[in-house]
């Protein structure tokens, strides 16, 4: 049957937002899915099957950030989930969320939403812990990659990711730190996603000097000891 976009948005919000993390608890996973969840999973199965058939791709890259969404994909019988857990220093994340950035994909909105460091750090904490919880589930392959390590050796890390996926391909890097980007099927997200042509990959360290002391205190208070798990001080 047909798919109602409004219905899919409601189901997505119900089952993939941060408040749905209880679905990642193993005991909850054993429950019989309710009707809405069954409907959502069925549509997702059809969607990914269609993407694979039309594109001919063996690997589909889904840049969704919610660990709950990855947990739902794990329940689809035709999909093998590989989780690439990208981590960045929470103070850098807080600074990034406070910067003014254009919003090219939303009509009537000139800039991306900005949030308080307390809010961005809460998201950082919940999403990272939720992603680690996903990694402990069955049928999930997991790899963690720090922002700083990727920026230091982008071509090498992309090759490592391909090895993780069991794939071999020629990467579009022209040098260790420059990549030639073509057009992709991208409809939303950070404006950097829409870049094409030669792009230099480098670490953005502006936050180290520009993040306000008050913002830094908020981040450290809320993140607690978790950054140390990822090698951050």
Foldseek 3Di string as FASTA:
>chain_A
DDDDPVLLVVLCCVQFDLVNLVCLPVVNVPDDDDPSLVVNLVVVLVVVVVCCVVVVDPDDDDPDQGLRVLVSQLPRPVDQAEDEAEDEDLLVQLVVLADWAAWPQDPPGGTDHHDALLVSLVVNQSSNVSNVSSCPDPRYHYDYDYLQNCQVFVVVVVCVVCVSVVHDDDAQAPDRFKGAADQDPDRGDGPVVGDGGIDGRHDDPPSVPPPDPVSVVSNCVRNPCVVVVVVDD
